[in-house]
N, C-alpha and C. Protein backbone atom coordinates (compact mmCIF):
# COMPACT_ATOMS: atom_id res chain seq x y z
N MET A 1 107.57 14.72 1.92
CA MET A 1 107.43 13.75 0.86
C MET A 1 108.73 13.72 0.08
N GLU A 2 109.04 12.53 -0.43
CA GLU A 2 110.25 12.36 -1.23
C GLU A 2 109.89 11.92 -2.63
N GLY A 3 110.68 12.35 -3.58
CA GLY A 3 110.52 11.91 -4.96
C GLY A 3 111.09 10.51 -5.14
N ALA A 4 111.03 10.01 -6.37
CA ALA A 4 111.49 8.65 -6.67
C ALA A 4 112.96 8.45 -6.33
N SER A 5 113.75 9.49 -6.45
CA SER A 5 115.19 9.38 -6.17
C SER A 5 115.50 9.53 -4.69
N GLY A 6 114.49 9.77 -3.87
CA GLY A 6 114.71 9.96 -2.44
C GLY A 6 114.94 11.41 -2.05
N THR A 7 114.92 12.30 -3.04
CA THR A 7 115.12 13.73 -2.78
C THR A 7 113.84 14.33 -2.22
N PRO A 8 113.94 15.11 -1.13
CA PRO A 8 112.73 15.73 -0.57
C PRO A 8 112.07 16.68 -1.57
N ILE A 9 110.76 16.68 -1.58
CA ILE A 9 109.99 17.60 -2.42
C ILE A 9 109.61 18.78 -1.55
N THR A 10 110.15 19.94 -1.91
CA THR A 10 109.94 21.13 -1.08
C THR A 10 109.34 22.32 -1.83
N THR A 11 109.21 22.21 -3.17
CA THR A 11 108.66 23.33 -3.94
C THR A 11 107.50 22.85 -4.80
N LEU A 12 106.68 23.80 -5.24
CA LEU A 12 105.58 23.47 -6.14
C LEU A 12 106.09 22.91 -7.47
N GLU A 13 107.20 23.43 -7.93
CA GLU A 13 107.77 22.95 -9.19
C GLU A 13 108.19 21.48 -9.05
N GLN A 14 108.82 21.13 -7.93
CA GLN A 14 109.20 19.74 -7.70
C GLN A 14 107.95 18.85 -7.60
N TRP A 15 106.94 19.36 -6.90
CA TRP A 15 105.71 18.59 -6.77
C TRP A 15 105.05 18.38 -8.13
N GLY A 16 105.06 19.40 -9.00
CA GLY A 16 104.48 19.25 -10.33
C GLY A 16 105.16 18.13 -11.11
N ARG A 17 106.49 18.08 -11.04
CA ARG A 17 107.22 17.00 -11.73
C ARG A 17 106.91 15.64 -11.12
N GLU A 18 106.87 15.58 -9.79
CA GLU A 18 106.59 14.32 -9.11
C GLU A 18 105.16 13.86 -9.38
N ARG A 19 104.24 14.78 -9.39
CA ARG A 19 102.84 14.43 -9.66
C ARG A 19 102.70 13.83 -11.06
N GLN A 20 103.37 14.45 -12.03
CA GLN A 20 103.33 13.92 -13.40
C GLN A 20 103.95 12.52 -13.45
N ARG A 21 105.04 12.32 -12.73
CA ARG A 21 105.68 11.00 -12.69
C ARG A 21 104.74 9.97 -12.08
N LEU A 22 104.08 10.34 -10.98
CA LEU A 22 103.15 9.41 -10.32
C LEU A 22 101.97 9.08 -11.23
N ARG A 23 101.45 10.08 -11.92
CA ARG A 23 100.34 9.84 -12.85
C ARG A 23 100.76 8.89 -13.96
N SER A 24 101.97 9.09 -14.47
CA SER A 24 102.47 8.21 -15.53
C SER A 24 102.62 6.78 -15.03
N GLU A 25 103.14 6.63 -13.82
CA GLU A 25 103.29 5.29 -13.23
C GLU A 25 101.92 4.65 -13.02
N PHE A 26 100.98 5.43 -12.50
CA PHE A 26 99.63 4.92 -12.28
C PHE A 26 99.02 4.45 -13.60
N ALA A 27 99.15 5.28 -14.63
CA ALA A 27 98.61 4.92 -15.94
C ALA A 27 99.26 3.64 -16.45
N HIS A 28 100.56 3.54 -16.30
CA HIS A 28 101.28 2.37 -16.81
C HIS A 28 100.84 1.09 -16.10
N TRP A 29 100.72 1.13 -14.80
CA TRP A 29 100.45 -0.08 -14.04
C TRP A 29 98.97 -0.37 -13.80
N VAL A 30 98.11 0.64 -13.87
CA VAL A 30 96.71 0.40 -13.53
C VAL A 30 95.83 0.36 -14.78
N TYR A 31 95.79 1.43 -15.57
CA TYR A 31 94.86 1.41 -16.69
C TYR A 31 95.51 1.49 -18.05
N ARG A 32 96.77 1.53 -18.13
CA ARG A 32 97.53 1.48 -19.37
C ARG A 32 97.22 2.64 -20.30
N LYS A 33 97.47 2.44 -21.57
CA LYS A 33 97.31 3.50 -22.56
C LYS A 33 95.84 3.60 -22.99
N MET A 34 95.27 4.80 -22.86
CA MET A 34 93.87 5.01 -23.23
C MET A 34 93.77 5.46 -24.69
N SER A 35 92.65 5.17 -25.31
CA SER A 35 92.43 5.55 -26.70
C SER A 35 92.14 7.04 -26.81
N PRO A 36 92.37 7.61 -27.98
CA PRO A 36 91.99 9.02 -28.18
C PRO A 36 90.47 9.14 -28.28
N PRO A 37 89.93 10.34 -28.07
CA PRO A 37 88.49 10.51 -28.22
C PRO A 37 88.07 10.18 -29.66
N PRO A 38 86.92 9.54 -29.83
CA PRO A 38 86.48 9.23 -31.19
C PRO A 38 86.11 10.50 -31.94
N ASP A 39 86.30 10.47 -33.24
CA ASP A 39 85.95 11.65 -34.04
C ASP A 39 84.62 11.45 -34.78
N ASN A 40 83.93 10.37 -34.49
CA ASN A 40 82.66 10.11 -35.18
C ASN A 40 81.57 9.64 -34.21
N LEU A 41 81.57 10.19 -33.02
CA LEU A 41 80.59 9.80 -32.01
C LEU A 41 79.19 10.30 -32.39
N ARG A 42 78.21 9.42 -32.25
CA ARG A 42 76.83 9.85 -32.44
C ARG A 42 75.98 9.25 -31.32
N ALA A 43 74.93 9.96 -30.98
CA ALA A 43 74.03 9.54 -29.89
C ALA A 43 72.61 9.52 -30.41
N MET A 44 71.86 8.49 -29.99
CA MET A 44 70.47 8.37 -30.39
C MET A 44 69.62 8.04 -29.17
N VAL A 45 68.54 8.77 -28.99
CA VAL A 45 67.59 8.44 -27.94
C VAL A 45 66.78 7.26 -28.45
N THR A 46 66.82 6.15 -27.71
CA THR A 46 66.10 4.94 -28.15
C THR A 46 64.81 4.74 -27.37
N GLY A 47 64.60 5.54 -26.33
CA GLY A 47 63.36 5.43 -25.58
C GLY A 47 63.28 6.48 -24.50
N THR A 48 62.07 6.89 -24.18
CA THR A 48 61.81 7.84 -23.10
C THR A 48 60.54 7.40 -22.39
N ARG A 49 60.59 7.42 -21.06
CA ARG A 49 59.40 7.04 -20.29
C ARG A 49 59.44 7.75 -18.95
N GLY A 50 58.28 7.89 -18.35
CA GLY A 50 58.18 8.43 -17.01
C GLY A 50 58.25 7.30 -16.00
N ASP A 51 58.81 7.60 -14.83
CA ASP A 51 58.93 6.57 -13.80
C ASP A 51 58.84 7.24 -12.43
N GLY A 52 57.63 7.55 -11.98
CA GLY A 52 57.43 8.09 -10.65
C GLY A 52 58.19 9.36 -10.34
N GLY A 53 57.99 10.41 -11.11
CA GLY A 53 58.65 11.68 -10.86
C GLY A 53 60.03 11.81 -11.50
N VAL A 54 60.36 10.84 -12.34
CA VAL A 54 61.66 10.84 -13.02
C VAL A 54 61.41 10.53 -14.49
N THR A 55 62.09 11.24 -15.38
CA THR A 55 62.08 10.89 -16.80
C THR A 55 63.30 10.03 -17.06
N VAL A 56 63.07 8.89 -17.68
CA VAL A 56 64.17 7.97 -18.01
C VAL A 56 64.38 8.01 -19.51
N ARG A 57 65.57 8.39 -19.93
CA ARG A 57 65.92 8.40 -21.35
C ARG A 57 66.96 7.33 -21.60
N GLU A 58 66.68 6.48 -22.54
CA GLU A 58 67.64 5.46 -22.96
C GLU A 58 68.37 6.01 -24.17
N VAL A 59 69.70 6.04 -24.10
CA VAL A 59 70.52 6.61 -25.16
C VAL A 59 71.54 5.58 -25.61
N ARG A 60 71.74 5.49 -26.90
CA ARG A 60 72.74 4.59 -27.47
C ARG A 60 73.83 5.44 -28.11
N LEU A 61 75.05 5.31 -27.61
CA LEU A 61 76.20 5.99 -28.21
C LEU A 61 76.87 5.03 -29.17
N GLU A 62 77.24 5.53 -30.34
CA GLU A 62 77.95 4.74 -31.34
C GLU A 62 79.18 5.52 -31.77
N PHE A 63 80.28 4.80 -31.99
CA PHE A 63 81.54 5.46 -32.32
C PHE A 63 82.51 4.48 -32.94
N GLU A 64 83.60 5.01 -33.40
CA GLU A 64 84.73 4.29 -33.99
C GLU A 64 84.38 3.60 -35.30
N PRO A 65 85.21 2.65 -35.75
CA PRO A 65 85.04 2.13 -37.12
C PRO A 65 83.61 1.66 -37.38
N ASP A 66 83.01 2.22 -38.39
CA ASP A 66 81.65 1.85 -38.81
C ASP A 66 80.65 1.90 -37.66
N HIS A 67 80.93 2.71 -36.66
CA HIS A 67 80.06 2.85 -35.48
C HIS A 67 79.81 1.51 -34.79
N ARG A 68 80.83 0.65 -34.78
CA ARG A 68 80.71 -0.64 -34.10
C ARG A 68 80.86 -0.53 -32.60
N GLY A 69 81.46 0.56 -32.12
CA GLY A 69 81.54 0.79 -30.68
C GLY A 69 80.20 1.26 -30.18
N ILE A 70 79.66 0.57 -29.20
CA ILE A 70 78.33 0.90 -28.69
C ILE A 70 78.39 0.98 -27.17
N LEU A 71 77.76 2.02 -26.65
CA LEU A 71 77.63 2.16 -25.20
C LEU A 71 76.21 2.64 -24.92
N HIS A 72 75.49 1.85 -24.12
CA HIS A 72 74.14 2.23 -23.72
C HIS A 72 74.21 3.07 -22.45
N VAL A 73 73.44 4.15 -22.44
CA VAL A 73 73.41 5.08 -21.32
C VAL A 73 71.95 5.27 -20.92
N HIS A 74 71.71 5.31 -19.63
CA HIS A 74 70.37 5.47 -19.09
C HIS A 74 70.38 6.75 -18.24
N LEU A 75 69.59 7.73 -18.66
CA LEU A 75 69.55 9.02 -17.98
C LEU A 75 68.29 9.08 -17.12
N PHE A 76 68.46 9.25 -15.82
CA PHE A 76 67.34 9.39 -14.89
C PHE A 76 67.30 10.85 -14.48
N ILE A 77 66.33 11.58 -15.00
CA ILE A 77 66.26 13.02 -14.81
C ILE A 77 65.02 13.34 -13.98
N PRO A 78 65.20 13.89 -12.77
CA PRO A 78 64.03 14.17 -11.94
C PRO A 78 63.17 15.26 -12.54
N ASP A 79 61.86 15.17 -12.27
CA ASP A 79 60.96 16.24 -12.68
C ASP A 79 61.34 17.49 -11.91
N GLY A 80 61.17 18.63 -12.52
CA GLY A 80 61.51 19.88 -11.86
C GLY A 80 62.33 20.76 -12.76
N LYS A 81 62.82 21.84 -12.18
CA LYS A 81 63.57 22.83 -12.94
C LYS A 81 65.04 22.42 -13.02
N ALA A 82 65.52 22.19 -14.22
CA ALA A 82 66.93 21.87 -14.45
C ALA A 82 67.71 23.17 -14.44
N PRO A 83 69.01 23.17 -14.30
CA PRO A 83 69.85 21.98 -14.34
C PRO A 83 69.94 21.28 -12.98
N PHE A 84 70.28 19.98 -13.05
CA PHE A 84 70.51 19.18 -11.86
C PHE A 84 71.97 18.72 -11.88
N PRO A 85 72.57 18.58 -10.71
CA PRO A 85 73.90 17.97 -10.71
C PRO A 85 73.77 16.52 -11.18
N VAL A 86 74.86 15.95 -11.68
CA VAL A 86 74.82 14.61 -12.26
C VAL A 86 75.60 13.63 -11.41
N PHE A 87 74.96 12.51 -11.11
CA PHE A 87 75.62 11.37 -10.47
C PHE A 87 75.89 10.36 -11.58
N LEU A 88 77.16 10.14 -11.89
CA LEU A 88 77.59 9.30 -12.99
C LEU A 88 78.06 7.96 -12.42
N THR A 89 77.50 6.85 -12.90
CA THR A 89 77.84 5.55 -12.32
C THR A 89 77.63 4.42 -13.32
N ASN A 90 78.24 3.29 -13.01
CA ASN A 90 77.98 2.07 -13.77
C ASN A 90 77.20 1.06 -12.93
N GLN A 91 76.63 1.53 -11.83
CA GLN A 91 75.81 0.67 -10.97
C GLN A 91 74.51 0.33 -11.69
N PRO A 92 73.94 -0.84 -11.41
CA PRO A 92 72.66 -1.17 -12.04
C PRO A 92 71.56 -0.19 -11.63
N ARG A 93 70.57 -0.04 -12.46
CA ARG A 93 69.51 0.93 -12.21
C ARG A 93 68.73 0.67 -10.94
N THR A 94 68.83 -0.54 -10.39
CA THR A 94 68.15 -0.86 -9.14
C THR A 94 68.98 -0.51 -7.91
N SER A 95 70.17 0.00 -8.12
CA SER A 95 71.08 0.31 -7.01
C SER A 95 70.51 1.38 -6.09
N SER A 96 70.74 1.21 -4.81
CA SER A 96 70.28 2.21 -3.84
C SER A 96 71.00 3.55 -4.05
N TRP A 97 72.19 3.53 -4.65
CA TRP A 97 72.92 4.78 -4.92
C TRP A 97 72.13 5.66 -5.90
N ILE A 98 71.53 5.03 -6.89
CA ILE A 98 70.76 5.78 -7.88
C ILE A 98 69.57 6.46 -7.20
N LYS A 99 68.85 5.68 -6.42
CA LYS A 99 67.66 6.21 -5.74
C LYS A 99 68.03 7.34 -4.77
N LEU A 100 69.14 7.17 -4.07
CA LEU A 100 69.60 8.20 -3.15
C LEU A 100 69.95 9.49 -3.89
N ALA A 101 70.67 9.37 -5.00
CA ALA A 101 71.04 10.55 -5.78
C ALA A 101 69.80 11.31 -6.25
N ILE A 102 68.82 10.58 -6.75
CA ILE A 102 67.60 11.22 -7.26
C ILE A 102 66.84 11.88 -6.11
N ARG A 103 66.75 11.21 -4.97
CA ARG A 103 66.06 11.82 -3.81
C ARG A 103 66.73 13.12 -3.39
N ARG A 104 68.03 13.22 -3.59
CA ARG A 104 68.77 14.42 -3.21
C ARG A 104 68.81 15.46 -4.32
N GLY A 105 68.07 15.25 -5.40
CA GLY A 105 67.96 16.25 -6.45
C GLY A 105 68.97 16.13 -7.58
N TYR A 106 69.64 14.99 -7.68
CA TYR A 106 70.60 14.76 -8.76
C TYR A 106 69.93 14.03 -9.91
N SER A 107 70.49 14.17 -11.10
CA SER A 107 70.20 13.25 -12.19
C SER A 107 71.15 12.08 -11.99
N ALA A 108 70.75 10.92 -12.48
CA ALA A 108 71.64 9.76 -12.44
C ALA A 108 71.88 9.31 -13.87
N TYR A 109 73.12 9.29 -14.29
CA TYR A 109 73.49 8.83 -15.62
C TYR A 109 74.22 7.51 -15.44
N ILE A 110 73.64 6.45 -15.96
CA ILE A 110 74.20 5.11 -15.80
C ILE A 110 74.70 4.64 -17.16
N TYR A 111 75.91 4.14 -17.19
CA TYR A 111 76.47 3.59 -18.43
C TYR A 111 76.69 2.09 -18.23
N ASP A 112 76.44 1.32 -19.30
CA ASP A 112 76.53 -0.14 -19.23
C ASP A 112 77.98 -0.60 -19.40
N ALA A 113 78.72 -0.53 -18.34
CA ALA A 113 80.10 -0.99 -18.35
C ALA A 113 80.44 -1.47 -16.94
N THR A 114 80.25 -2.74 -16.72
CA THR A 114 80.54 -3.31 -15.41
C THR A 114 80.80 -4.79 -15.56
N ASP A 115 81.33 -5.39 -14.55
CA ASP A 115 81.64 -6.80 -14.60
C ASP A 115 80.35 -7.61 -14.73
N PRO A 116 80.23 -8.43 -15.78
CA PRO A 116 78.99 -9.20 -15.98
C PRO A 116 78.69 -10.16 -14.82
N ILE A 117 79.65 -10.42 -13.97
CA ILE A 117 79.40 -11.29 -12.82
C ILE A 117 78.29 -10.72 -11.93
N PHE A 118 78.06 -9.41 -12.01
CA PHE A 118 77.02 -8.76 -11.22
C PHE A 118 75.67 -8.78 -11.94
N GLY A 119 75.60 -9.44 -13.08
CA GLY A 119 74.33 -9.55 -13.80
C GLY A 119 74.00 -8.36 -14.67
N ALA A 120 74.94 -7.47 -14.88
CA ALA A 120 74.70 -6.28 -15.70
C ALA A 120 75.38 -6.44 -17.06
N THR A 121 75.02 -5.58 -17.99
CA THR A 121 75.60 -5.60 -19.33
C THR A 121 76.94 -4.88 -19.34
N ASP A 122 77.90 -5.42 -20.09
CA ASP A 122 79.21 -4.80 -20.22
C ASP A 122 79.47 -4.45 -21.67
N ASP A 123 78.99 -3.26 -22.09
CA ASP A 123 79.21 -2.82 -23.46
C ASP A 123 80.68 -2.60 -23.76
N CYS A 124 81.47 -2.27 -22.75
CA CYS A 124 82.87 -1.91 -23.01
C CYS A 124 83.75 -3.13 -23.28
N ASP A 125 83.25 -4.32 -23.13
CA ASP A 125 84.04 -5.50 -23.45
C ASP A 125 84.44 -5.51 -24.93
N THR A 126 83.61 -4.93 -25.78
CA THR A 126 83.92 -4.87 -27.21
C THR A 126 85.03 -3.88 -27.53
N PHE A 127 85.39 -3.02 -26.57
CA PHE A 127 86.45 -2.05 -26.82
C PHE A 127 87.78 -2.74 -27.10
N ILE A 128 87.95 -3.95 -26.60
CA ILE A 128 89.19 -4.70 -26.81
C ILE A 128 89.43 -4.89 -28.30
N ASP A 129 88.39 -5.28 -29.04
CA ASP A 129 88.53 -5.49 -30.48
C ASP A 129 88.55 -4.17 -31.26
N LEU A 130 87.83 -3.17 -30.76
CA LEU A 130 87.79 -1.88 -31.45
C LEU A 130 89.13 -1.15 -31.38
N TYR A 131 89.84 -1.34 -30.29
CA TYR A 131 91.09 -0.62 -30.06
C TYR A 131 92.23 -1.63 -29.84
N PRO A 132 92.65 -2.35 -30.87
CA PRO A 132 93.66 -3.39 -30.67
C PRO A 132 95.02 -2.86 -30.21
N ASP A 133 95.29 -1.58 -30.40
CA ASP A 133 96.59 -1.03 -30.01
C ASP A 133 96.61 -0.53 -28.57
N TYR A 134 95.51 -0.74 -27.84
CA TYR A 134 95.43 -0.26 -26.46
C TYR A 134 95.18 -1.44 -25.53
N ASP A 135 95.73 -1.33 -24.34
CA ASP A 135 95.62 -2.40 -23.35
C ASP A 135 94.38 -2.13 -22.50
N PHE A 136 93.28 -2.79 -22.82
CA PHE A 136 92.03 -2.54 -22.11
C PHE A 136 91.75 -3.62 -21.08
N ALA A 137 92.49 -3.58 -19.98
CA ALA A 137 92.11 -4.39 -18.83
C ALA A 137 90.80 -3.83 -18.31
N CYS A 138 90.16 -4.51 -17.39
CA CYS A 138 88.84 -4.08 -16.91
C CYS A 138 88.82 -2.64 -16.44
N ILE A 139 89.79 -2.23 -15.63
CA ILE A 139 89.76 -0.86 -15.10
C ILE A 139 89.82 0.14 -16.24
N ALA A 140 90.66 -0.11 -17.22
CA ALA A 140 90.76 0.83 -18.33
C ALA A 140 89.45 0.92 -19.10
N ARG A 141 88.81 -0.22 -19.33
CA ARG A 141 87.54 -0.18 -20.06
C ARG A 141 86.47 0.53 -19.24
N PHE A 142 86.46 0.29 -17.94
CA PHE A 142 85.45 0.92 -17.10
C PHE A 142 85.68 2.42 -17.00
N LEU A 143 86.91 2.90 -17.24
CA LEU A 143 87.18 4.33 -17.29
C LEU A 143 86.89 4.90 -18.67
N GLU A 144 87.15 4.11 -19.70
CA GLU A 144 86.92 4.57 -21.07
C GLU A 144 85.44 4.80 -21.33
N ALA A 145 84.59 3.95 -20.80
CA ALA A 145 83.15 4.07 -21.05
C ALA A 145 82.59 5.42 -20.59
N PRO A 146 82.82 5.85 -19.34
CA PRO A 146 82.28 7.17 -18.98
C PRO A 146 82.97 8.31 -19.71
N ALA A 147 84.21 8.11 -20.13
CA ALA A 147 84.87 9.15 -20.91
C ALA A 147 84.14 9.34 -22.23
N GLN A 148 83.71 8.23 -22.85
CA GLN A 148 82.93 8.33 -24.09
C GLN A 148 81.61 9.03 -23.81
N MET A 149 80.99 8.68 -22.69
CA MET A 149 79.70 9.26 -22.34
C MET A 149 79.83 10.76 -22.07
N CYS A 150 80.85 11.14 -21.33
CA CYS A 150 81.06 12.57 -21.07
C CYS A 150 81.38 13.30 -22.35
N GLY A 151 82.06 12.62 -23.25
CA GLY A 151 82.40 13.24 -24.52
C GLY A 151 81.17 13.69 -25.27
N VAL A 152 80.11 12.90 -25.23
CA VAL A 152 78.91 13.30 -25.95
C VAL A 152 78.27 14.51 -25.29
N CYS A 153 78.38 14.61 -23.98
CA CYS A 153 77.78 15.75 -23.27
C CYS A 153 78.63 17.00 -23.42
N CYS A 154 79.93 16.86 -23.57
CA CYS A 154 80.83 18.01 -23.60
C CYS A 154 81.13 18.50 -25.00
N THR A 155 81.23 17.60 -25.94
CA THR A 155 81.84 17.91 -27.21
C THR A 155 80.88 17.93 -28.38
N TYR A 156 79.90 17.07 -28.35
CA TYR A 156 79.09 16.86 -29.53
C TYR A 156 77.71 17.48 -29.37
N PRO A 157 77.10 17.89 -30.48
CA PRO A 157 75.74 18.42 -30.39
C PRO A 157 74.78 17.32 -29.94
N SER A 158 73.77 17.70 -29.21
CA SER A 158 72.79 16.72 -28.73
C SER A 158 71.89 16.29 -29.87
N PRO A 159 71.52 15.01 -29.90
CA PRO A 159 70.57 14.56 -30.91
C PRO A 159 69.18 15.08 -30.59
N PRO A 160 68.26 15.03 -31.53
CA PRO A 160 66.90 15.51 -31.26
C PRO A 160 66.31 14.80 -30.04
N GLY A 161 65.71 15.56 -29.18
CA GLY A 161 65.06 15.00 -28.01
C GLY A 161 65.99 14.69 -26.85
N PHE A 162 67.27 14.92 -26.98
CA PHE A 162 68.23 14.61 -25.92
C PHE A 162 68.77 15.90 -25.34
N GLN A 163 68.37 16.21 -24.13
CA GLN A 163 68.86 17.39 -23.45
C GLN A 163 69.42 16.95 -22.10
N PRO A 164 70.75 16.90 -21.95
CA PRO A 164 71.29 16.54 -20.64
C PRO A 164 70.76 17.50 -19.59
N SER A 165 70.53 16.99 -18.40
CA SER A 165 69.96 17.84 -17.36
C SER A 165 70.97 18.84 -16.84
N ALA A 166 72.24 18.56 -16.98
CA ALA A 166 73.27 19.50 -16.55
C ALA A 166 74.48 19.31 -17.44
N PRO A 167 75.07 20.38 -17.91
CA PRO A 167 76.25 20.22 -18.77
C PRO A 167 77.45 19.79 -17.95
N PHE A 168 78.32 19.01 -18.57
CA PHE A 168 79.59 18.66 -17.95
C PHE A 168 80.55 19.78 -18.29
N GLU A 169 81.03 20.49 -17.30
CA GLU A 169 81.93 21.61 -17.56
C GLU A 169 83.26 21.40 -16.88
N SER A 170 83.70 20.17 -16.79
CA SER A 170 84.96 19.89 -16.14
C SER A 170 85.90 19.19 -17.10
N PRO A 171 87.17 19.12 -16.77
CA PRO A 171 88.13 18.42 -17.63
C PRO A 171 88.05 16.91 -17.42
N LEU A 172 86.87 16.42 -17.11
CA LEU A 172 86.64 15.02 -16.79
C LEU A 172 86.70 14.12 -18.02
N VAL A 173 86.56 14.66 -19.18
CA VAL A 173 86.30 13.89 -20.38
C VAL A 173 87.32 12.78 -20.62
N ARG A 174 88.60 13.03 -20.49
CA ARG A 174 89.56 11.98 -20.79
C ARG A 174 90.27 11.44 -19.55
N CYS A 175 90.02 11.97 -18.38
CA CYS A 175 90.77 11.57 -17.19
C CYS A 175 89.84 11.16 -16.06
N MET A 176 88.87 10.34 -16.32
CA MET A 176 87.85 10.04 -15.34
C MET A 176 88.42 9.58 -13.99
N GLY A 177 89.40 8.72 -14.02
CA GLY A 177 89.81 8.11 -12.77
C GLY A 177 91.02 8.71 -12.11
N VAL A 178 91.64 9.69 -12.68
CA VAL A 178 92.89 10.21 -12.12
C VAL A 178 92.74 11.67 -11.77
N ALA A 179 92.95 12.01 -10.51
CA ALA A 179 92.85 13.39 -10.08
C ALA A 179 94.12 14.15 -10.40
């Protein structure tokens, strides 16, 4: 492999520098500058129901100025002994991916951030006005939404009645799309 200057990459130190350069380029051209984590995130369970061996919790996340940032999250938690691994997606709740994950013993956490052309709700469209100093093209918004969702699972105390089926214990919170 060669670096940007055409120099061969032969050491871990060189690879570390090149990897950082590639990540910066990817950020610049694909998802731009991301917002910092909110310091006033709150979560509220707005509904709970059973659905054929699965508990479905509807959660509303609110954040940023006057809690105008809103992200709806739908937690599908299978009956049984937790913790369960988590399948995180913005696919509609009728997606075969959700059903497959649950059949395999996963929880499915769905966040409402997707292209409305598919008939789903896009809560992250409002992020454009909430964060005027950030370039929120679709990909950036679709990455920001699960980062907000993971933030509530990793950083903030759970609201009454809200117990994630499995804790997020990875550095996923701010870097959802970049390995």
